[in-house]
Amino acid sequence: MSEIYIPEGSKFVGKTIAGTQLDEHDINVLTLYRGSKIIPNPRHDRVLEPNDKLLCFGKLEAMRGMIPAKTRRRRQPDIGNLPDDATTAASVETVE
């Protein structure tokens, strides 16, 4: 399962769910998120709008291929520095 985000300017904007031909890639649209609305099992004739999100079920590789490379984000952890007074594992003596 994965979400497909439809950004402004996407080739899917203005197309129906059937018109996206997701089903030809064995991708089923389970839910459409539009703003604060949740539309389960959306009809195939529903027209997609900018900023829609589609919760889809299908092959992950097929879904990745539907997302333009520039909109993909890699998750990167936010790494910070330890405070100066933090102790390290090497400086802690173990008592046996």
N, C-alpha and C. Protein backbone atom coordinates (compact mmCIF):
# COMPACT_ATOMS: atom_id res chain seq x y z
N MET A 1 0.83 -1.18 0.00
CA MET A 1 0.00 0.00 0.00
C MET A 1 0.88 1.24 0.00
N SER A 2 0.44 2.25 -0.67
CA SER A 2 1.20 3.49 -0.73
C SER A 2 0.26 4.63 -1.11
N GLU A 3 0.70 5.85 -0.80
CA GLU A 3 -0.06 7.03 -1.23
C GLU A 3 0.60 7.61 -2.46
N ILE A 4 -0.22 8.00 -3.41
CA ILE A 4 0.26 8.73 -4.58
C ILE A 4 -0.30 10.14 -4.46
N TYR A 5 0.61 11.11 -4.40
CA TYR A 5 0.24 12.52 -4.28
C TYR A 5 0.13 13.10 -5.69
N ILE A 6 -0.93 13.87 -5.92
CA ILE A 6 -1.16 14.51 -7.21
C ILE A 6 -0.84 16.00 -7.07
N PRO A 7 0.39 16.44 -7.40
CA PRO A 7 0.74 17.85 -7.23
C PRO A 7 0.16 18.72 -8.34
N GLU A 8 0.18 20.00 -8.12
CA GLU A 8 -0.22 20.99 -9.13
C GLU A 8 0.63 20.75 -10.38
N GLY A 9 0.00 20.71 -11.53
CA GLY A 9 0.73 20.51 -12.78
C GLY A 9 0.96 19.05 -13.14
N SER A 10 0.47 18.12 -12.33
CA SER A 10 0.62 16.69 -12.62
C SER A 10 -0.17 16.34 -13.86
N LYS A 11 0.31 15.32 -14.58
CA LYS A 11 -0.43 14.86 -15.77
C LYS A 11 -1.76 14.21 -15.39
N PHE A 12 -1.96 13.89 -14.11
CA PHE A 12 -3.21 13.29 -13.65
C PHE A 12 -4.29 14.32 -13.33
N VAL A 13 -3.93 15.58 -13.14
CA VAL A 13 -4.92 16.62 -12.81
C VAL A 13 -5.88 16.77 -13.99
N GLY A 14 -7.16 16.72 -13.69
CA GLY A 14 -8.19 16.85 -14.72
C GLY A 14 -8.60 15.53 -15.35
N LYS A 15 -7.88 14.45 -15.02
CA LYS A 15 -8.25 13.14 -15.54
C LYS A 15 -9.13 12.42 -14.52
N THR A 16 -9.90 11.48 -15.01
CA THR A 16 -10.66 10.63 -14.10
C THR A 16 -9.71 9.55 -13.56
N ILE A 17 -10.13 8.89 -12.51
CA ILE A 17 -9.32 7.79 -11.98
C ILE A 17 -9.14 6.72 -13.06
N ALA A 18 -10.19 6.44 -13.83
CA ALA A 18 -10.07 5.48 -14.93
C ALA A 18 -9.10 5.99 -15.99
N GLY A 19 -9.10 7.29 -16.22
CA GLY A 19 -8.23 7.89 -17.22
C GLY A 19 -6.75 7.85 -16.87
N THR A 20 -6.44 7.64 -15.60
CA THR A 20 -5.03 7.54 -15.19
C THR A 20 -4.43 6.20 -15.58
N GLN A 21 -5.29 5.24 -15.87
CA GLN A 21 -4.90 3.88 -16.26
C GLN A 21 -4.08 3.17 -15.18
N LEU A 22 -4.32 3.54 -13.93
CA LEU A 22 -3.63 2.87 -12.82
C LEU A 22 -3.97 1.38 -12.80
N ASP A 23 -5.22 1.05 -13.13
CA ASP A 23 -5.62 -0.36 -13.10
C ASP A 23 -4.86 -1.20 -14.11
N GLU A 24 -4.36 -0.60 -15.18
CA GLU A 24 -3.55 -1.32 -16.16
C GLU A 24 -2.18 -1.69 -15.60
N HIS A 25 -1.78 -1.01 -14.53
CA HIS A 25 -0.52 -1.31 -13.84
C HIS A 25 -0.77 -2.12 -12.57
N ASP A 26 -1.97 -2.71 -12.48
CA ASP A 26 -2.38 -3.50 -11.30
C ASP A 26 -2.35 -2.68 -10.02
N ILE A 27 -2.76 -1.42 -10.11
CA ILE A 27 -2.84 -0.53 -8.96
C ILE A 27 -4.31 -0.20 -8.72
N ASN A 28 -4.80 -0.50 -7.53
CA ASN A 28 -6.19 -0.22 -7.17
C ASN A 28 -6.25 0.98 -6.23
N VAL A 29 -7.12 1.93 -6.54
CA VAL A 29 -7.32 3.10 -5.69
C VAL A 29 -8.34 2.74 -4.62
N LEU A 30 -7.89 2.77 -3.37
CA LEU A 30 -8.76 2.40 -2.25
C LEU A 30 -9.47 3.61 -1.65
N THR A 31 -8.73 4.73 -1.54
CA THR A 31 -9.27 5.93 -0.89
C THR A 31 -8.71 7.16 -1.57
N LEU A 32 -9.54 8.18 -1.68
CA LEU A 32 -9.12 9.49 -2.20
C LEU A 32 -9.20 10.49 -1.06
N TYR A 33 -8.09 11.17 -0.79
CA TYR A 33 -8.05 12.23 0.22
C TYR A 33 -8.03 13.56 -0.52
N ARG A 34 -9.04 14.39 -0.27
CA ARG A 34 -9.14 15.70 -0.91
C ARG A 34 -9.39 16.72 0.18
N GLY A 35 -8.33 17.45 0.54
CA GLY A 35 -8.46 18.40 1.65
C GLY A 35 -8.83 17.64 2.90
N SER A 36 -9.92 18.04 3.54
CA SER A 36 -10.36 17.35 4.76
C SER A 36 -11.36 16.22 4.46
N LYS A 37 -11.68 16.01 3.17
CA LYS A 37 -12.62 14.96 2.79
C LYS A 37 -11.89 13.64 2.57
N ILE A 38 -12.50 12.57 3.02
CA ILE A 38 -12.00 11.22 2.79
C ILE A 38 -13.07 10.50 1.98
N ILE A 39 -12.68 10.03 0.80
CA ILE A 39 -13.63 9.38 -0.09
C ILE A 39 -13.18 7.92 -0.29
N PRO A 40 -13.81 6.99 0.47
CA PRO A 40 -13.43 5.59 0.30
C PRO A 40 -14.01 5.02 -1.01
N ASN A 41 -13.28 4.10 -1.61
CA ASN A 41 -13.71 3.46 -2.86
C ASN A 41 -14.23 4.48 -3.88
N PRO A 42 -13.39 5.43 -4.28
CA PRO A 42 -13.87 6.47 -5.20
C PRO A 42 -14.28 5.86 -6.55
N ARG A 43 -15.32 6.47 -7.13
CA ARG A 43 -15.80 6.02 -8.44
C ARG A 43 -14.70 6.24 -9.49
N HIS A 44 -14.72 5.42 -10.52
CA HIS A 44 -13.72 5.54 -11.59
C HIS A 44 -13.91 6.79 -12.43
N ASP A 45 -15.10 7.41 -12.36
CA ASP A 45 -15.35 8.63 -13.14
C ASP A 45 -15.06 9.90 -12.33
N ARG A 46 -14.50 9.75 -11.12
CA ARG A 46 -14.16 10.92 -10.30
C ARG A 46 -12.94 11.61 -10.90
N VAL A 47 -13.05 12.93 -11.09
CA VAL A 47 -11.98 13.72 -11.69
C VAL A 47 -10.99 14.13 -10.60
N LEU A 48 -9.70 13.95 -10.88
CA LEU A 48 -8.66 14.28 -9.91
C LEU A 48 -8.32 15.76 -9.95
N GLU A 49 -8.03 16.30 -8.78
CA GLU A 49 -7.70 17.72 -8.63
C GLU A 49 -6.31 17.85 -8.03
N PRO A 50 -5.69 19.03 -8.17
CA PRO A 50 -4.37 19.24 -7.56
C PRO A 50 -4.44 19.01 -6.05
N ASN A 51 -3.39 18.45 -5.49
CA ASN A 51 -3.23 18.17 -4.06
C ASN A 51 -4.06 16.99 -3.56
N ASP A 52 -4.68 16.24 -4.47
CA ASP A 52 -5.34 15.00 -4.06
C ASP A 52 -4.28 13.98 -3.66
N LYS A 53 -4.68 13.06 -2.79
CA LYS A 53 -3.82 11.93 -2.43
C LYS A 53 -4.64 10.67 -2.65
N LEU A 54 -4.02 9.69 -3.26
CA LEU A 54 -4.68 8.43 -3.53
C LEU A 54 -4.01 7.34 -2.70
N LEU A 55 -4.78 6.68 -1.86
CA LEU A 55 -4.27 5.52 -1.14
C LEU A 55 -4.48 4.33 -2.07
N CYS A 56 -3.37 3.70 -2.46
CA CYS A 56 -3.43 2.66 -3.47
C CYS A 56 -2.86 1.35 -2.97
N PHE A 57 -3.35 0.28 -3.56
CA PHE A 57 -2.85 -1.06 -3.29
C PHE A 57 -2.34 -1.62 -4.60
N GLY A 58 -1.13 -2.13 -4.58
CA GLY A 58 -0.56 -2.72 -5.78
C GLY A 58 0.91 -2.97 -5.59
N LYS A 59 1.57 -3.24 -6.70
CA LYS A 59 3.01 -3.51 -6.66
C LYS A 59 3.74 -2.20 -6.39
N LEU A 60 4.63 -2.24 -5.39
CA LEU A 60 5.36 -1.05 -4.98
C LEU A 60 6.17 -0.46 -6.13
N GLU A 61 6.82 -1.29 -6.91
CA GLU A 61 7.63 -0.79 -8.02
C GLU A 61 6.77 -0.08 -9.06
N ALA A 62 5.58 -0.58 -9.30
CA ALA A 62 4.67 0.07 -10.25
C ALA A 62 4.25 1.43 -9.74
N MET A 63 4.00 1.53 -8.42
CA MET A 63 3.59 2.81 -7.84
C MET A 63 4.73 3.81 -7.84
N ARG A 64 5.96 3.33 -7.57
CA ARG A 64 7.12 4.23 -7.61
C ARG A 64 7.29 4.83 -9.00
N GLY A 65 6.99 4.04 -10.01
CA GLY A 65 7.11 4.52 -11.37
C GLY A 65 6.11 5.60 -11.73
N MET A 66 5.05 5.73 -10.94
CA MET A 66 4.02 6.74 -11.19
C MET A 66 4.39 8.09 -10.60
N ILE A 67 5.40 8.12 -9.72
CA ILE A 67 5.77 9.34 -9.03
C ILE A 67 6.95 9.97 -9.75
N PRO A 68 6.82 11.22 -10.22
CA PRO A 68 7.96 11.87 -10.86
C PRO A 68 9.15 11.97 -9.91
N ALA A 69 10.36 11.80 -10.44
CA ALA A 69 11.57 11.76 -9.61
C ALA A 69 11.73 13.03 -8.78
N LYS A 70 11.35 14.19 -9.30
CA LYS A 70 11.57 15.44 -8.55
C LYS A 70 10.65 15.58 -7.34
N THR A 71 9.54 14.82 -7.30
CA THR A 71 8.65 14.93 -6.14
C THR A 71 8.93 13.87 -5.10
N ARG A 72 9.79 12.90 -5.43
CA ARG A 72 10.15 11.89 -4.44
C ARG A 72 11.06 12.51 -3.40
N ARG A 73 10.84 12.15 -2.17
CA ARG A 73 11.68 12.66 -1.09
C ARG A 73 12.31 11.49 -0.37
N ARG A 74 13.58 11.63 -0.09
CA ARG A 74 14.23 10.63 0.74
C ARG A 74 14.10 11.09 2.17
N ARG A 75 13.78 10.16 3.01
CA ARG A 75 13.67 10.50 4.43
C ARG A 75 15.07 10.56 5.01
N GLN A 76 15.37 11.71 5.59
CA GLN A 76 16.67 11.89 6.22
C GLN A 76 16.44 12.29 7.66
N PRO A 77 17.08 11.57 8.58
CA PRO A 77 16.89 11.92 9.99
C PRO A 77 17.51 13.26 10.31
N ASP A 78 16.92 13.96 11.24
CA ASP A 78 17.45 15.23 11.71
C ASP A 78 18.50 14.92 12.78
N ILE A 79 19.74 15.18 12.45
CA ILE A 79 20.85 14.84 13.34
C ILE A 79 21.36 16.11 14.00
N GLY A 80 21.44 16.07 15.32
CA GLY A 80 21.94 17.22 16.08
C GLY A 80 23.20 16.84 16.84
N ASN A 81 23.84 17.82 17.43
CA ASN A 81 25.05 17.59 18.22
C ASN A 81 24.68 17.32 19.67
N LEU A 82 25.49 16.48 20.31
CA LEU A 82 25.30 16.23 21.73
C LEU A 82 25.82 17.42 22.53
N PRO A 83 25.27 17.66 23.69
CA PRO A 83 25.79 18.75 24.53
C PRO A 83 27.24 18.45 24.94
N ASP A 84 28.02 19.50 25.23
CA ASP A 84 29.43 19.34 25.60
C ASP A 84 29.60 18.51 26.86
N ASP A 85 28.64 18.57 27.77
CA ASP A 85 28.78 17.86 29.04
C ASP A 85 28.26 16.42 29.00
N ALA A 86 27.90 15.91 27.81
CA ALA A 86 27.41 14.55 27.68
C ALA A 86 28.59 13.57 27.85
N THR A 87 28.35 12.48 28.51
CA THR A 87 29.40 11.48 28.70
C THR A 87 29.37 10.50 27.56
N THR A 88 30.51 9.96 27.24
CA THR A 88 30.59 8.98 26.17
C THR A 88 30.68 7.59 26.78
N ALA A 89 30.39 6.59 25.99
CA ALA A 89 30.43 5.21 26.46
C ALA A 89 31.85 4.85 26.90
N ALA A 90 32.88 5.41 26.26
CA ALA A 90 34.26 5.10 26.58
C ALA A 90 34.67 5.70 27.94
N SER A 91 34.03 6.79 28.34
CA SER A 91 34.42 7.44 29.59
C SER A 91 33.70 6.89 30.82
N VAL A 92 32.74 6.02 30.61
CA VAL A 92 31.99 5.44 31.72
C VAL A 92 32.66 4.14 32.15
N GLU A 93 33.04 4.04 33.43
CA GLU A 93 33.67 2.83 33.94
C GLU A 93 32.58 1.88 34.41
N THR A 94 32.81 0.60 34.17
CA THR A 94 31.85 -0.39 34.64
C THR A 94 32.34 -0.97 35.95
N VAL A 95 31.43 -1.23 36.82
CA VAL A 95 31.75 -1.77 38.13
C VAL A 95 31.33 -3.25 38.12
N GLU A 96 32.28 -4.11 38.48
CA GLU A 96 31.98 -5.55 38.47
C GLU A 96 31.90 -6.08 39.86
